[in-house]
């Protein structure tokens, strides 16, 4: 198309817009300039797990008009917004109302009715409104029930009922809401993502592999992979943190002797403070006898560290030996940095009153 023809084409479109011939285009709009729109653009996004769901749309106003069954007719395909296609983008595969939909950007259309709506995800996401909508381009259709909503003068998309693996997307306009649920298989998505991430620069650090192992361990999934990740972390740099992770994974795999060996190696690599904090963690897990054994050994190896005495104080307190506990807490107080003294003083007073500090 040469310039003369293009100018003529644009002129005809502008004339059509001004005269109201072209539906969905306001006279305040320009095909060549960036000007304010009557229905302003908006974008809303929600992360589910590590999957981003993003809706790009324009927000028409009610402005005292009758919307449902009038401005937006029942039974006809509607652009679910204003101006060009409303689009919805999924960064990973999802389920919409329990039905699978691949990752990508889709034109979002809807067919409203008084008691049921059809939500349409079109492979065509670049058209103007729904005027050229073609059902042959549908990627997915689902049906949902509309519900009453608080008044929304501007059409709004929102994410509600957020869960670790799902959220409900709601179109809200006037006093009607149309909800549809988006779910993600978070475990599958994260595991696939980890494999990709660990092939880039992050794969050259011990921490990345350790983080990956701990995610799988915390979620109680793919424990063999978690062990492989822990071993890879150790291969990069053998540390207290990843040896301890390996121990925990082996425990979860019921490989107890190997778990004990990995824990011993972790503690051999640990600083006195790391050992103390690990014993406190064991206390929190109600593994008191293991914790007390570590407190005692840490105190024997590092008697000059103030926190080993607070560990012994906790041990004696749990055993009901409050006099010994007070003695150890005083030793901790004597060597502690100033920013810890107030806290330790409070613990000492509790011990003197024979109160449990654990």
Protein backbone atom coordinates (compact mmCIF):
# COMPACT_ATOMS: atom_id res chain seq x y z
CA UNK A 1 0.00 0.00 0.00
CA UNK A 2 1.57 3.33 -1.08
CA UNK A 3 1.44 6.47 1.04
CA UNK A 4 -1.45 8.03 -0.88
CA UNK A 5 -3.54 4.91 -0.48
CA UNK A 6 -2.59 4.63 3.21
CA UNK A 7 -3.59 8.25 3.86
CA UNK A 8 -6.91 7.62 2.14
CA UNK A 9 -7.51 4.50 4.17
CA UNK A 10 -6.75 6.24 7.47
CA UNK A 11 -8.91 9.19 6.47
CA UNK A 12 -11.85 6.88 5.77
CA UNK A 13 -11.39 5.18 9.15
CA UNK A 14 -11.30 8.54 10.93
CA UNK A 15 -14.43 9.69 9.11
CA UNK A 16 -16.12 6.42 10.02
CA UNK A 17 -15.13 6.87 13.67
CA UNK A 18 -16.41 10.45 13.80
CA UNK A 19 -19.67 9.51 12.11
CA UNK A 20 -20.15 6.46 14.32
CA UNK A 21 -20.07 4.00 11.41
CA UNK A 22 -17.20 1.93 12.81
CA UNK A 23 -18.43 0.17 15.98
CA UNK A 24 -16.28 0.26 19.11
CA UNK A 25 -14.18 3.27 18.09
CA UNK A 26 -14.78 6.58 19.85
CA UNK A 27 -14.42 9.94 18.15
CA UNK A 28 -11.74 10.90 20.71
CA UNK A 29 -9.47 8.17 19.43
CA UNK A 30 -6.67 8.45 16.91
CA UNK A 31 -5.12 5.82 14.69
CA UNK A 32 -1.85 7.75 14.46
CA UNK A 33 -1.49 9.59 17.82
CA UNK A 34 -1.33 8.54 21.44
CA UNK A 35 -4.36 10.28 22.96
CA UNK A 36 -6.45 9.66 26.10
CA UNK A 37 -9.14 7.00 25.69
CA UNK A 38 -12.60 6.94 27.12
CA UNK A 39 -11.96 3.35 28.22
CA UNK A 40 -8.51 3.47 29.71
CA UNK A 41 -5.98 0.67 29.49
CA UNK A 42 -5.12 -1.42 32.55
CA UNK A 43 -3.07 -4.45 33.40
CA UNK A 44 -3.36 -6.81 36.34
CA UNK A 45 -1.10 -9.72 37.15
CA UNK A 46 -0.93 -12.49 39.72
CA UNK A 47 1.77 -15.05 40.40
CA UNK A 48 0.63 -18.58 41.28
CA UNK A 49 3.65 -20.54 42.45
CA UNK A 50 6.14 -19.28 39.86
CA UNK A 51 3.54 -18.92 37.10
CA UNK A 52 2.49 -15.40 36.08
CA UNK A 53 -1.07 -14.74 34.92
CA UNK A 54 -1.47 -11.31 33.30
CA UNK A 55 -4.60 -9.65 31.92
CA UNK A 56 -4.29 -6.63 29.62
CA UNK A 57 -7.58 -4.82 29.01
CA UNK A 58 -9.42 -1.53 28.63
CA UNK A 59 -11.92 -0.35 31.25
CA UNK A 60 -15.26 0.99 30.01
CA UNK A 61 -17.43 2.88 32.50
CA UNK A 62 -21.08 2.23 33.34
CA UNK A 63 -21.97 5.94 33.26
CA UNK A 64 -25.62 5.30 34.16
CA UNK A 65 -26.11 2.94 31.23
CA UNK A 66 -27.87 -0.42 31.35
CA UNK A 67 -25.07 -2.92 30.79
CA UNK A 68 -26.21 -6.53 30.83
CA UNK A 69 -28.66 -7.51 28.15
CA UNK A 70 -28.43 -4.00 26.63
CA UNK A 71 -25.02 -2.38 26.02
CA UNK A 72 -23.58 -5.90 26.30
CA UNK A 73 -26.19 -8.16 24.67
CA UNK A 74 -26.91 -11.60 26.05
CA UNK A 75 -25.96 -14.56 23.92
CA UNK A 76 -23.37 -12.76 21.77
CA UNK A 77 -19.57 -12.85 21.82
CA UNK A 78 -18.18 -9.85 23.70
CA UNK A 79 -14.62 -8.56 23.94
CA UNK A 80 -14.70 -8.64 27.77
CA UNK A 81 -13.46 -5.06 27.91
CA UNK A 82 -13.17 -2.26 25.37
CA UNK A 83 -11.13 -1.36 22.28
CA UNK A 84 -8.71 -4.06 21.03
CA UNK A 85 -8.64 -7.62 22.34
CA UNK A 86 -8.61 -8.18 26.04
CA UNK A 87 -5.71 -10.60 26.46
CA UNK A 88 -4.69 -13.07 29.12
CA UNK A 89 -1.17 -14.47 29.31
CA UNK A 90 0.01 -17.58 31.15
CA UNK A 91 3.76 -18.07 31.57
CA UNK A 92 3.26 -21.82 32.09
CA UNK A 93 0.56 -24.38 31.28
CA UNK A 94 -2.52 -24.04 33.51
CA UNK A 95 -5.93 -25.52 34.16
CA UNK A 96 -8.94 -23.25 33.67
CA UNK A 97 -11.99 -24.61 35.45
CA UNK A 98 -10.15 -27.94 35.48
CA UNK A 99 -9.44 -27.96 31.73
CA UNK A 100 -5.86 -27.80 30.38
CA UNK A 101 -4.59 -24.72 28.55
CA UNK A 102 -1.05 -24.32 27.28
CA UNK A 103 1.14 -21.36 28.16
CA UNK A 104 0.87 -18.32 25.91
CA UNK A 105 -1.20 -15.20 25.22
CA UNK A 106 -4.88 -15.55 24.34
CA UNK A 107 -7.64 -13.24 23.24
CA UNK A 108 -10.19 -13.27 26.06
CA UNK A 109 -13.83 -13.19 24.95
CA UNK A 110 -17.05 -13.95 26.79
CA UNK A 111 -20.65 -14.78 25.97
CA UNK A 112 -22.77 -13.41 28.82
CA UNK A 113 -26.21 -14.71 29.71
CA UNK A 114 -28.41 -14.11 32.71
CA UNK A 115 -27.58 -17.44 34.36
CA UNK A 116 -24.46 -18.75 32.58
CA UNK A 117 -21.41 -17.27 30.87
CA UNK A 118 -19.05 -18.83 28.35
CA UNK A 119 -15.41 -17.84 28.78
CA UNK A 120 -13.42 -18.13 25.54
CA UNK A 121 -9.64 -18.27 25.13
CA UNK A 122 -8.81 -17.53 21.51
CA UNK A 123 -5.49 -18.23 19.78
CA UNK A 124 -5.97 -14.85 18.08
CA UNK A 125 -4.99 -12.13 20.54
CA UNK A 126 -4.35 -9.19 18.19
CA UNK A 127 -7.74 -8.24 16.79
CA UNK A 128 -9.94 -5.23 17.46
CA UNK A 129 -12.55 -6.34 19.95
CA UNK A 130 -14.67 -9.35 19.03
CA UNK A 131 -15.81 -8.09 15.63
CA UNK A 132 -13.67 -10.60 13.72
CA UNK A 133 -13.87 -13.36 16.33
CA UNK A 134 -13.67 -16.83 14.76
CA UNK A 135 -14.67 -19.87 16.85
CA UNK A 136 -12.27 -21.97 14.75
CA UNK A 137 -9.47 -20.17 16.61
CA UNK A 138 -10.69 -21.21 20.06
CA UNK A 139 -8.07 -22.79 22.30
CA UNK A 140 -10.56 -23.42 25.10
CA UNK A 141 -14.12 -22.68 26.20
CA UNK A 142 -15.47 -23.06 29.73
CA UNK A 143 -18.84 -22.18 31.25
CA UNK A 144 -19.25 -20.46 34.61
CA UNK A 145 -22.03 -19.02 36.73
CA UNK A 146 -22.22 -15.22 37.16
CA UNK A 147 -22.86 -13.84 40.63
CA UNK A 148 -23.96 -10.57 42.20
CA UNK A 149 -21.15 -8.13 43.04
CA UNK A 150 -20.63 -4.71 44.58
CA UNK A 151 -21.04 -1.84 42.16
CA UNK A 152 -18.07 -1.32 39.82
CA UNK A 153 -18.43 1.73 37.57
CA UNK A 154 -15.21 0.78 35.75
CA UNK A 155 -14.86 -2.74 34.41
CA UNK A 156 -12.36 -4.53 36.64
CA UNK A 157 -10.41 -7.78 36.61
CA UNK A 158 -9.31 -9.11 39.96
CA UNK A 159 -7.66 -12.21 41.44
CA UNK A 160 -9.47 -13.64 44.43
CA UNK A 161 -9.35 -16.76 46.65
CA UNK A 162 -5.58 -17.01 46.22
CA UNK A 163 -4.13 -20.41 47.14
CA UNK A 164 -0.58 -21.80 46.72
CA UNK A 165 -1.67 -23.47 43.46
CA UNK A 166 -4.71 -21.53 42.26
CA UNK A 167 -6.66 -18.29 42.08
CA UNK A 168 -10.10 -17.23 40.91
CA UNK A 169 -10.09 -14.59 38.18
CA UNK A 170 -13.14 -12.32 38.30
CA UNK A 171 -14.48 -9.87 35.77
CA UNK A 172 -16.52 -7.32 37.73
CA UNK A 173 -18.65 -4.67 36.09
CA UNK A 174 -21.79 -2.89 37.22
CA UNK A 175 -23.23 -5.33 39.80
CA UNK A 176 -22.21 -8.60 38.15
CA UNK A 177 -19.09 -10.74 38.51
CA UNK A 178 -18.02 -13.61 36.27
CA UNK A 179 -15.45 -15.85 38.02
CA UNK A 180 -13.24 -18.57 36.55
CA UNK A 181 -10.63 -20.61 38.40
CA UNK A 182 -7.02 -20.87 37.20
CA UNK A 183 -4.95 -23.71 38.67
CA UNK A 184 -1.29 -24.59 38.27
CA UNK A 185 0.54 -27.87 38.88
CA UNK A 186 3.11 -25.97 40.90
CA UNK A 187 5.31 -28.95 41.68
CA UNK A 188 5.65 -29.96 38.03
CA UNK A 189 6.25 -26.37 36.92
CA UNK A 190 8.88 -25.74 39.59
CA UNK A 191 10.69 -29.00 38.94
CA UNK A 192 10.85 -28.27 35.20
CA UNK A 193 12.01 -24.74 35.96
CA UNK A 194 14.73 -25.97 38.33
CA UNK A 195 16.20 -28.18 35.64
CA UNK A 196 16.43 -25.18 33.32
CA UNK A 197 17.72 -22.77 35.94
CA UNK A 198 20.43 -25.14 37.09
CA UNK A 199 21.82 -25.28 33.57
CA UNK A 200 22.65 -21.57 33.58
CA UNK A 201 25.12 -19.64 35.74
CA UNK A 202 23.25 -20.50 38.93
CA UNK A 203 24.38 -24.09 38.45
CA UNK A 204 27.94 -23.07 39.32
CA UNK A 205 27.14 -22.13 42.92
CA UNK A 206 26.63 -24.49 45.84
CA UNK A 207 23.69 -22.43 47.07
CA UNK A 208 21.48 -22.96 44.01
CA UNK A 209 21.67 -26.74 44.20
CA UNK A 210 21.14 -26.60 47.96
CA UNK A 211 18.08 -24.37 47.56
CA UNK A 212 16.66 -26.76 44.97
CA UNK A 213 17.21 -29.75 47.26
CA UNK A 214 15.57 -27.95 50.18
CA UNK A 215 12.52 -27.03 48.08
CA UNK A 216 11.92 -30.66 47.14
CA UNK A 217 12.56 -31.73 50.73
CA UNK A 218 10.12 -29.19 52.15
CA UNK A 219 7.44 -30.23 49.64
CA UNK A 220 8.16 -33.94 50.23
CA UNK A 221 8.49 -34.64 46.51
CA UNK A 222 11.13 -36.15 44.21
CA UNK A 223 13.45 -36.98 47.12
CA UNK A 224 15.88 -38.87 44.86
CA UNK A 225 16.30 -35.65 42.87
CA UNK A 226 16.70 -33.75 46.13
CA UNK A 227 19.57 -36.06 47.08
CA UNK A 228 21.17 -35.61 43.66
CA UNK A 229 20.90 -31.83 44.05
CA UNK A 230 22.44 -31.97 47.54
CA UNK A 231 25.34 -34.05 46.22
CA UNK A 232 25.85 -31.59 43.34
CA UNK A 233 25.93 -28.72 45.84
CA UNK A 234 28.58 -30.56 47.86
CA UNK A 235 30.53 -31.21 44.68
CA UNK A 236 30.61 -27.45 44.03
CA UNK A 237 31.63 -26.63 47.60
CA UNK A 238 31.49 -28.92 50.62
CA UNK A 239 29.84 -26.96 53.44
CA UNK A 240 27.93 -27.39 56.67
CA UNK A 241 24.71 -26.24 54.98
CA UNK A 242 24.63 -28.73 52.13
CA UNK A 243 25.90 -31.66 54.20
CA UNK A 244 23.06 -30.94 56.64
CA UNK A 245 20.59 -30.81 53.73
CA UNK A 246 21.92 -34.16 52.55
CA UNK A 247 21.42 -35.58 56.03
CA UNK A 248 17.81 -34.42 56.10
CA UNK A 249 17.08 -35.84 52.65
CA UNK A 250 18.62 -39.20 53.62
CA UNK A 251 16.47 -39.20 56.76
CA UNK A 252 13.38 -38.59 54.63
CA UNK A 253 14.47 -41.48 52.40
CA UNK A 254 14.80 -43.66 55.54
CA UNK A 255 18.52 -44.17 54.94
CA UNK A 256 19.33 -43.57 58.59
CA UNK A 257 22.97 -44.69 58.80
CA UNK A 258 23.91 -42.50 55.82
CA UNK A 259 21.93 -39.63 57.35
CA UNK A 260 23.88 -39.89 60.61
CA UNK A 261 27.17 -39.88 58.70
CA UNK A 262 26.16 -36.81 56.70
CA UNK A 263 25.04 -35.02 59.88
CA UNK A 264 28.39 -35.77 61.55
CA UNK A 265 30.24 -34.39 58.54
CA UNK A 266 28.03 -31.29 58.59
CA UNK A 267 28.79 -30.63 62.25
CA UNK A 268 32.50 -31.17 61.64
CA UNK A 269 32.33 -28.37 59.04
CA UNK A 270 30.12 -26.09 61.13
CA UNK A 271 31.13 -23.02 63.09
CA UNK A 272 30.35 -23.08 66.84
CA UNK A 273 27.40 -20.76 66.27
CA UNK A 274 26.01 -22.95 63.45
CA UNK A 275 26.25 -25.94 65.79
CA UNK A 276 24.40 -24.02 68.51
CA UNK A 277 21.66 -22.93 66.13
CA UNK A 278 21.26 -26.47 64.82
CA UNK A 279 20.79 -27.73 68.38
CA UNK A 280 18.16 -25.03 68.93
CA UNK A 281 16.44 -26.23 65.75
CA UNK A 282 16.41 -29.78 67.12
CA UNK A 283 14.83 -28.45 70.31
CA UNK A 284 12.12 -26.84 68.23
CA UNK A 285 11.50 -30.21 66.58
CA UNK A 286 11.12 -31.81 70.05
CA UNK A 287 14.36 -33.78 69.57
CA UNK A 288 15.65 -32.68 72.95
CA UNK A 289 18.09 -35.50 73.67
CA UNK A 290 19.89 -34.96 70.36
CA UNK A 291 19.96 -31.22 71.03
CA UNK A 292 21.38 -31.65 74.53
CA UNK A 293 24.14 -33.93 73.27
CA UNK A 294 25.15 -31.27 70.74
CA UNK A 295 24.98 -28.49 73.36
CA UNK A 296 27.32 -30.49 75.62
CA UNK A 297 29.82 -31.30 72.88
CA UNK A 298 29.83 -27.72 71.62
CA UNK A 299 30.52 -26.43 75.13
CA UNK A 300 33.39 -28.88 75.57
CA UNK A 301 35.02 -27.85 72.28
CA UNK A 302 34.35 -24.11 72.52
CA UNK A 303 34.06 -23.07 76.20
CA UNK A 304 35.10 -19.52 75.33
CA UNK A 305 31.94 -18.88 73.26
CA UNK A 306 29.16 -17.19 75.25
CA UNK A 307 26.30 -18.89 73.42
CA UNK A 308 27.45 -22.41 74.33
CA UNK A 309 26.68 -21.52 77.95
CA UNK A 310 23.19 -20.35 77.04
CA UNK A 311 22.76 -23.72 75.33
CA UNK A 312 23.77 -25.54 78.48
CA UNK A 313 21.40 -23.29 80.46
CA UNK A 314 18.54 -24.40 78.25
CA UNK A 315 19.54 -28.03 78.70
CA UNK A 316 19.69 -27.75 82.51
CA UNK A 317 16.39 -25.85 82.52
CA UNK A 318 14.69 -28.68 80.62
CA UNK A 319 16.08 -31.12 83.19
CA UNK A 320 14.73 -29.03 86.08
CA UNK A 321 18.25 -28.11 87.27
CA UNK A 322 17.58 -24.40 87.64
CA UNK A 323 20.62 -23.58 89.81
CA UNK A 324 22.98 -25.00 87.18
CA UNK A 325 20.98 -23.24 84.48
CA UNK A 326 21.36 -19.87 86.24
CA UNK A 327 25.10 -20.43 86.61
CA UNK A 328 25.49 -21.13 82.88
CA UNK A 329 23.33 -18.15 81.92
CA UNK A 330 25.52 -15.86 84.04
CA UNK A 331 28.56 -17.15 82.13
CA UNK A 332 26.75 -16.45 78.87
CA UNK A 333 25.92 -12.93 80.09
CA UNK A 334 29.53 -12.25 80.98
CA UNK A 335 30.80 -12.93 77.46
CA UNK A 336 27.83 -11.84 75.36
CA UNK A 337 27.90 -8.74 73.14
CA UNK A 338 26.01 -5.73 74.44
CA UNK A 339 23.09 -6.20 72.04
CA UNK A 340 22.37 -9.62 73.60
CA UNK A 341 22.70 -8.76 77.28
CA UNK A 342 19.18 -7.46 77.78
CA UNK A 343 17.69 -10.62 76.26
CA UNK A 344 19.91 -12.90 78.34
CA UNK A 345 19.18 -10.92 81.49
CA UNK A 346 15.48 -11.61 80.97
CA UNK A 347 16.20 -15.33 80.58
CA UNK A 348 18.31 -15.31 83.73
CA UNK A 349 15.48 -13.74 85.73
CA UNK A 350 13.09 -16.42 84.44
CA UNK A 351 15.51 -19.15 85.49
CA UNK A 352 15.92 -17.61 88.95
CA UNK A 353 12.12 -17.75 89.24
CA UNK A 354 12.31 -21.39 88.13
CA UNK A 355 10.44 -20.69 84.91
CA UNK A 356 10.97 -22.72 81.73
CA UNK A 357 12.85 -20.76 79.04
CA UNK A 358 12.59 -23.43 76.32
